[in-house]
Amino acid sequence: MTPADERTSDDGSRRRPVIYTRTGDDGTTGLLYGGRVRKDAPAPTAYGDVDEAQAAIGVARAVSGGADEQLDAILVSLARDLWILMAELATAPENRSRLEDGKTRVSAEMLAGLESQIDSFAARFTPPSEFVVPGGDPLSAHLDLARTVVRRAERHALAATVDGSLVVAYLNRLSDLLWTLARFAEGEAMPVRAV
């Protein structure tokens, strides 16, 4: 937030951040490190989906109630990773040189971390070999919903990323992790059966 985004109270003693800036009233949004684009451009569409995925993961975390400390830590870590994805997606190609691995750009280590978590949880149960019916319990249902939002973000990120970006790979692996966590959470998945 810039100083222009703050206002002085009536007595002049307190400064509060302003929630509304009016800069997006023309249908554009600012990018990290400068520049503006239409809100329906590929980058804002993609990072908007990532933002929604982060919120969906937050709902799954709330539903879990912190009962499983390891799961809670994973979901918090994923939410933090998604800020990094949003930063990368919100950067114009000409400013990509300013990105930092693991802070504002997805790193190979972040991708490897997801794969390690998938392997760790998949080793704890026998994954179903068929499509499953979502909704075995509230937590798995919310994890499945988060997975579908991540899949949409992945599709939209294709139009917003540049060569060498790991955003799409991260989202692909994240959806696999969320599927794995959902199956682990519900214990026994209900397979789809032909009627």
C-alpha atoms as a PDB file:
ATOM      1  CA  MET A   1       0.000   0.000   0.000  1.00  0.00           C
ATOM      2  CA  THR A   2       1.408   3.389  -0.920  1.00  0.00           C
ATOM      3  CA  PRO A   3       1.093   6.575   1.159  1.00  0.00           C
ATOM      4  CA  ALA A   4      -1.611   7.709  -1.264  1.00  0.00           C
ATOM      5  CA  ASP A   5      -3.637   4.756  -0.050  1.00  0.00           C
ATOM      6  CA  GLU A   6      -3.777   6.088   3.517  1.00  0.00           C
ATOM      7  CA  ARG A   7      -6.026   8.697   5.025  1.00  0.00           C
ATOM      8  CA  THR A   8      -5.741  10.835   8.117  1.00  0.00           C
ATOM      9  CA  SER A   9      -8.523  10.693  10.686  1.00  0.00           C
ATOM     10  CA  ASP A  10     -10.512  13.798  11.575  1.00  0.00           C
ATOM     11  CA  ASP A  11      -8.188  14.671  14.457  1.00  0.00           C
ATOM     12  CA  GLY A  12      -5.133  14.127  12.242  1.00  0.00           C
ATOM     13  CA  SER A  13      -3.561  11.635  14.620  1.00  0.00           C
ATOM     14  CA  ARG A  14      -4.256   8.252  13.067  1.00  0.00           C
ATOM     15  CA  ARG A  15      -3.624   6.924   9.629  1.00  0.00           C
ATOM     16  CA  ARG A  16      -5.603   3.979   8.364  1.00  0.00           C
ATOM     17  CA  PRO A  17      -5.134   1.998   5.187  1.00  0.00           C
ATOM     18  CA  VAL A  18      -7.855   2.562   2.631  1.00  0.00           C
ATOM     19  CA  ILE A  19      -9.577  -0.590   1.448  1.00  0.00           C
ATOM     20  CA  TYR A  20     -10.856   0.944  -1.768  1.00  0.00           C
ATOM     21  CA  THR A  21      -8.530   2.760  -4.150  1.00  0.00           C
ATOM     22  CA  ARG A  22     -10.852   3.222  -7.151  1.00  0.00           C
ATOM     23  CA  THR A  23      -7.916   2.452  -9.477  1.00  0.00           C
ATOM     24  CA  GLY A  24      -9.697  -0.636 -10.817  1.00  0.00           C
ATOM     25  CA  ASP A  25     -12.943   1.128 -11.616  1.00  0.00           C
ATOM     26  CA  ASP A  26     -11.879   1.308 -15.264  1.00  0.00           C
ATOM     27  CA  GLY A  27     -11.712  -2.509 -15.499  1.00  0.00           C
ATOM     28  CA  THR A  28      -7.929  -2.737 -15.184  1.00  0.00           C
ATOM     29  CA  THR A  29      -5.686  -4.064 -12.446  1.00  0.00           C
ATOM     30  CA  GLY A  30      -2.104  -3.376 -11.449  1.00  0.00           C
ATOM     31  CA  LEU A  31       0.634  -5.951 -11.892  1.00  0.00           C
ATOM     32  CA  LEU A  32       3.520  -6.725  -9.566  1.00  0.00           C
ATOM     33  CA  TYR A  33       6.511  -4.520 -10.438  1.00  0.00           C
ATOM     34  CA  GLY A  34       4.320  -2.233 -12.531  1.00  0.00           C
ATOM     35  CA  GLY A  35       1.982  -2.185 -15.478  1.00  0.00           C
ATOM     36  CA  ARG A  36      -1.772  -2.491 -15.784  1.00  0.00           C
ATOM     37  CA  VAL A  37      -3.924  -4.967 -17.695  1.00  0.00           C
ATOM     38  CA  ARG A  38      -7.622  -5.619 -18.128  1.00  0.00           C
ATOM     39  CA  LYS A  39      -9.118  -7.672 -15.320  1.00  0.00           C
ATOM     40  CA  ASP A  40     -10.264 -10.295 -17.831  1.00  0.00           C
ATOM     41  CA  ALA A  41      -6.760 -10.715 -19.311  1.00  0.00           C
ATOM     42  CA  PRO A  42      -5.141 -14.169 -18.985  1.00  0.00           C
ATOM     43  CA  ALA A  43      -2.944 -13.290 -15.988  1.00  0.00           C
ATOM     44  CA  PRO A  44      -5.676 -11.874 -13.705  1.00  0.00           C
ATOM     45  CA  THR A  45      -7.972 -14.718 -14.757  1.00  0.00           C
ATOM     46  CA  ALA A  46      -5.324 -17.267 -13.762  1.00  0.00           C
ATOM     47  CA  TYR A  47      -4.265 -15.664 -10.494  1.00  0.00           C
ATOM     48  CA  GLY A  48      -7.917 -15.088  -9.636  1.00  0.00           C
ATOM     49  CA  ASP A  49      -8.443 -18.837  -9.931  1.00  0.00           C
ATOM     50  CA  VAL A  50      -5.363 -19.431  -7.754  1.00  0.00           C
ATOM     51  CA  ASP A  51      -6.804 -17.005  -5.199  1.00  0.00           C
ATOM     52  CA  GLU A  52     -10.051 -18.999  -5.231  1.00  0.00           C
ATOM     53  CA  ALA A  53      -8.075 -22.233  -4.826  1.00  0.00           C
ATOM     54  CA  GLN A  54      -6.311 -20.741  -1.817  1.00  0.00           C
ATOM     55  CA  ALA A  55      -9.682 -19.852  -0.281  1.00  0.00           C
ATOM     56  CA  ALA A  56     -11.020 -23.360  -0.988  1.00  0.00           C
ATOM     57  CA  ILE A  57      -7.990 -24.877   0.743  1.00  0.00           C
ATOM     58  CA  GLY A  58      -8.721 -22.545   3.657  1.00  0.00           C
ATOM     59  CA  VAL A  59     -12.271 -23.885   3.863  1.00  0.00           C
ATOM     60  CA  ALA A  60     -10.932 -27.454   3.909  1.00  0.00           C
ATOM     61  CA  ARG A  61      -8.560 -26.426   6.676  1.00  0.00           C
ATOM     62  CA  ALA A  62     -11.441 -24.896   8.676  1.00  0.00           C
ATOM     63  CA  VAL A  63     -13.533 -28.046   8.224  1.00  0.00           C
ATOM     64  CA  SER A  64     -10.654 -30.180   9.495  1.00  0.00           C
ATOM     65  CA  GLY A  65     -10.709 -28.168  12.716  1.00  0.00           C
ATOM     66  CA  GLY A  66      -6.983 -28.672  13.228  1.00  0.00           C
ATOM     67  CA  ALA A  67      -7.610 -32.272  14.337  1.00  0.00           C
ATOM     68  CA  ASP A  68      -4.655 -33.492  12.272  1.00  0.00           C
ATOM     69  CA  GLU A  69      -1.657 -31.238  12.910  1.00  0.00           C
ATOM     70  CA  GLN A  70       0.274 -32.595   9.924  1.00  0.00           C
ATOM     71  CA  LEU A  71      -2.630 -31.964   7.548  1.00  0.00           C
ATOM     72  CA  ASP A  72      -3.115 -28.489   8.983  1.00  0.00           C
ATOM     73  CA  ALA A  73       0.572 -27.678   8.449  1.00  0.00           C
ATOM     74  CA  ILE A  74       0.403 -28.940   4.860  1.00  0.00           C
ATOM     75  CA  LEU A  75      -2.680 -26.863   4.054  1.00  0.00           C
ATOM     76  CA  VAL A  76      -1.102 -23.717   5.543  1.00  0.00           C
ATOM     77  CA  SER A  77       2.062 -24.373   3.537  1.00  0.00           C
ATOM     78  CA  LEU A  78       0.027 -24.797   0.349  1.00  0.00           C
ATOM     79  CA  ALA A  79      -1.812 -21.531   0.975  1.00  0.00           C
ATOM     80  CA  ARG A  80       1.537 -19.764   1.345  1.00  0.00           C
ATOM     81  CA  ASP A  81       2.855 -21.373  -1.831  1.00  0.00           C
ATOM     82  CA  LEU A  82      -0.149 -20.072  -3.729  1.00  0.00           C
ATOM     83  CA  TRP A  83       0.855 -16.492  -2.863  1.00  0.00           C
ATOM     84  CA  ILE A  84       4.082 -17.237  -4.745  1.00  0.00           C
ATOM     85  CA  LEU A  85       2.140 -18.518  -7.746  1.00  0.00           C
ATOM     86  CA  MET A  86      -0.057 -15.426  -7.732  1.00  0.00           C
ATOM     87  CA  ALA A  87       3.026 -13.190  -7.614  1.00  0.00           C
ATOM     88  CA  GLU A  88       4.546 -14.956 -10.600  1.00  0.00           C
ATOM     89  CA  LEU A  89       1.305 -14.846 -12.577  1.00  0.00           C
ATOM     90  CA  ALA A  90       0.860 -11.147 -11.718  1.00  0.00           C
ATOM     91  CA  THR A  91       4.242 -10.194 -13.186  1.00  0.00           C
ATOM     92  CA  ALA A  92       4.524  -8.896 -16.745  1.00  0.00           C
ATOM     93  CA  PRO A  93       7.005 -10.832 -18.919  1.00  0.00           C
ATOM     94  CA  GLU A  94       9.332  -7.827 -19.104  1.00  0.00           C
ATOM     95  CA  ASN A  95       9.630  -7.835 -15.287  1.00  0.00           C
ATOM     96  CA  ARG A  96      10.227 -11.572 -14.792  1.00  0.00           C
ATOM     97  CA  SER A  97      13.933 -10.979 -14.173  1.00  0.00           C
ATOM     98  CA  ARG A  98      12.925  -9.420 -10.843  1.00  0.00           C
ATOM     99  CA  LEU A  99      11.272 -12.632  -9.587  1.00  0.00           C
ATOM    100  CA  GLU A 100      12.999 -14.751  -6.925  1.00  0.00           C
ATOM    101  CA  ASP A 101      12.706 -18.529  -6.702  1.00  0.00           C
ATOM    102  CA  GLY A 102      10.583 -19.602  -3.753  1.00  0.00           C
ATOM    103  CA  LYS A 103       9.508 -16.018  -2.986  1.00  0.00           C
ATOM    104  CA  THR A 104       7.832 -14.661  -6.116  1.00  0.00           C
ATOM    105  CA  ARG A 105       8.500 -17.498  -8.596  1.00  0.00           C
ATOM    106  CA  VAL A 106       7.704 -21.194  -8.311  1.00  0.00           C
ATOM    107  CA  SER A 107      10.877 -23.199  -7.724  1.00  0.00           C
ATOM    108  CA  ALA A 108      11.822 -26.773  -8.521  1.00  0.00           C
ATOM    109  CA  GLU A 109      12.067 -27.348  -4.750  1.00  0.00           C
ATOM    110  CA  MET A 110       8.413 -26.377  -4.327  1.00  0.00           C
ATOM    111  CA  LEU A 111       7.445 -28.923  -6.977  1.00  0.00           C
ATOM    112  CA  ALA A 112       9.612 -31.620  -5.363  1.00  0.00           C
ATOM    113  CA  GLY A 113       7.978 -30.866  -2.014  1.00  0.00           C
ATOM    114  CA  LEU A 114       4.537 -31.621  -3.436  1.00  0.00           C
ATOM    115  CA  GLU A 115       5.746 -34.889  -4.930  1.00  0.00           C
ATOM    116  CA  SER A 116       7.255 -35.897  -1.594  1.00  0.00           C
ATOM    117  CA  GLN A 117       3.959 -35.210   0.200  1.00  0.00           C
ATOM    118  CA  ILE A 118       1.994 -37.182  -2.410  1.00  0.00           C
ATOM    119  CA  ASP A 119       4.352 -40.140  -2.011  1.00  0.00           C
ATOM    120  CA  SER A 120       4.195 -39.929   1.787  1.00  0.00           C
ATOM    121  CA  PHE A 121       0.406 -39.968   1.982  1.00  0.00           C
ATOM    122  CA  ALA A 122      -0.119 -42.436  -0.877  1.00  0.00           C
ATOM    123  CA  ALA A 123       2.079 -44.928   0.991  1.00  0.00           C
ATOM    124  CA  ARG A 124      -0.392 -44.894   3.913  1.00  0.00           C
ATOM    125  CA  PHE A 125      -3.360 -46.357   2.028  1.00  0.00           C
ATOM    126  CA  THR A 126      -4.270 -48.232  -1.112  1.00  0.00           C
ATOM    127  CA  PRO A 127      -5.494 -45.640  -3.613  1.00  0.00           C
ATOM    128  CA  PRO A 128      -8.708 -46.536  -5.425  1.00  0.00           C
ATOM    129  CA  SER A 129      -8.193 -47.729  -8.978  1.00  0.00           C
ATOM    130  CA  GLU A 130     -11.538 -46.345 -10.182  1.00  0.00           C
ATOM    131  CA  PHE A 131     -13.153 -42.939 -10.207  1.00  0.00           C
ATOM    132  CA  VAL A 132     -14.640 -42.201  -6.800  1.00  0.00           C
ATOM    133  CA  VAL A 133     -17.821 -40.472  -5.706  1.00  0.00           C
ATOM    134  CA  PRO A 134     -16.821 -37.290  -3.815  1.00  0.00           C
ATOM    135  CA  GLY A 135     -18.345 -36.513  -0.440  1.00  0.00           C
ATOM    136  CA  GLY A 136     -17.375 -39.393   1.796  1.00  0.00           C
ATOM    137  CA  ASP A 137     -17.097 -36.837   4.586  1.00  0.00           C
ATOM    138  CA  PRO A 138     -17.008 -33.019   4.803  1.00  0.00           C
ATOM    139  CA  LEU A 139     -13.211 -32.733   4.795  1.00  0.00           C
ATOM    140  CA  SER A 140     -12.667 -34.953   1.759  1.00  0.00           C
ATOM    141  CA  ALA A 141     -15.508 -33.168  -0.054  1.00  0.00           C
ATOM    142  CA  HIS A 142     -13.838 -29.788   0.519  1.00  0.00           C
ATOM    143  CA  LEU A 143     -10.458 -31.145  -0.538  1.00  0.00           C
ATOM    144  CA  ASP A 144     -12.069 -32.447  -3.738  1.00  0.00           C
ATOM    145  CA  LEU A 145     -13.684 -29.067  -4.353  1.00  0.00           C
ATOM    146  CA  ALA A 146     -10.318 -27.355  -3.856  1.00  0.00           C
ATOM    147  CA  ARG A 147      -8.825 -29.843  -6.321  1.00  0.00           C
ATOM    148  CA  THR A 148     -11.331 -28.866  -9.019  1.00  0.00           C
ATOM    149  CA  VAL A 149     -10.608 -25.160  -8.496  1.00  0.00           C
ATOM    150  CA  VAL A 150      -6.883 -25.926  -8.829  1.00  0.00           C
ATOM    151  CA  ARG A 151      -7.583 -27.774 -12.090  1.00  0.00           C
ATOM    152  CA  ARG A 152      -9.360 -24.675 -13.445  1.00  0.00           C
ATOM    153  CA  ALA A 153      -6.452 -22.514 -12.354  1.00  0.00           C
ATOM    154  CA  GLU A 154      -4.123 -24.887 -14.170  1.00  0.00           C
ATOM    155  CA  ARG A 155      -6.124 -24.574 -17.407  1.00  0.00           C
ATOM    156  CA  HIS A 156      -6.187 -20.772 -17.196  1.00  0.00           C
ATOM    157  CA  ALA A 157      -2.503 -20.550 -16.242  1.00  0.00           C
ATOM    158  CA  LEU A 158      -1.567 -22.080 -19.595  1.00  0.00           C
ATOM    159  CA  ALA A 159      -2.421 -18.783 -21.301  1.00  0.00           C
ATOM    160  CA  ALA A 160      -0.637 -16.673 -18.676  1.00  0.00           C
ATOM    161  CA  THR A 161       2.723 -18.383 -18.174  1.00  0.00           C
ATOM    162  CA  VAL A 162       5.936 -18.092 -20.138  1.00  0.00           C
ATOM    163  CA  ASP A 163       8.439 -20.745 -21.195  1.00  0.00           C
ATOM    164  CA  GLY A 164      10.388 -22.050 -18.226  1.00  0.00           C
ATOM    165  CA  SER A 165       7.654 -21.298 -15.685  1.00  0.00           C
ATOM    166  CA  LEU A 166       6.772 -24.084 -13.239  1.00  0.00           C
ATOM    167  CA  VAL A 167       3.339 -22.663 -12.371  1.00  0.00           C
ATOM    168  CA  VAL A 168       1.389 -25.155 -14.498  1.00  0.00           C
ATOM    169  CA  ALA A 169       3.441 -28.115 -13.243  1.00  0.00           C
ATOM    170  CA  TYR A 170       2.925 -26.958  -9.639  1.00  0.00           C
ATOM    171  CA  LEU A 171      -0.843 -26.699 -10.106  1.00  0.00           C
ATOM    172  CA  ASN A 172      -0.925 -30.113 -11.774  1.00  0.00           C
ATOM    173  CA  ARG A 173       0.932 -31.672  -8.851  1.00  0.00           C
ATOM    174  CA  LEU A 174      -1.147 -29.737  -6.324  1.00  0.00           C
ATOM    175  CA  SER A 175      -4.356 -31.211  -7.719  1.00  0.00           C
ATOM    176  CA  ASP A 176      -2.799 -34.677  -7.360  1.00  0.00           C
ATOM    177  CA  LEU A 177      -1.888 -33.917  -3.745  1.00  0.00           C
ATOM    178  CA  LEU A 178      -5.390 -32.663  -2.939  1.00  0.00           C
ATOM    179  CA  TRP A 179      -6.895 -35.810  -4.496  1.00  0.00           C
ATOM    180  CA  THR A 180      -4.533 -37.933  -2.396  1.00  0.00           C
ATOM    181  CA  LEU A 181      -5.349 -36.006   0.786  1.00  0.00           C
ATOM    182  CA  ALA A 182      -9.094 -36.344   0.072  1.00  0.00           C
ATOM    183  CA  ARG A 183      -8.818 -40.108  -0.349  1.00  0.00           C
ATOM    184  CA  PHE A 184      -6.704 -40.346   2.812  1.00  0.00           C
ATOM    185  CA  ALA A 185      -9.179 -38.202   4.772  1.00  0.00           C
ATOM    186  CA  GLU A 186     -12.232 -40.240   3.850  1.00  0.00           C
ATOM    187  CA  GLY A 187     -10.529 -43.538   4.639  1.00  0.00           C
ATOM    188  CA  GLU A 188     -12.488 -45.692   2.251  1.00  0.00           C
ATOM    189  CA  ALA A 189     -13.560 -44.127  -1.024  1.00  0.00           C
ATOM    190  CA  MET A 190     -16.837 -45.065  -2.661  1.00  0.00           C
ATOM    191  CA  PRO A 191     -15.923 -46.264  -6.158  1.00  0.00           C
ATOM    192  CA  VAL A 192     -18.078 -45.503  -9.161  1.00  0.00           C
ATOM    193  CA  ARG A 193     -19.943 -48.612 -10.209  1.00  0.00           C
ATOM    194  CA  ALA A 194     -21.936 -49.233 -13.324  1.00  0.00           C
ATOM    195  CA  VAL A 195     -25.620 -49.611 -12.541  1.00  0.00           C
END
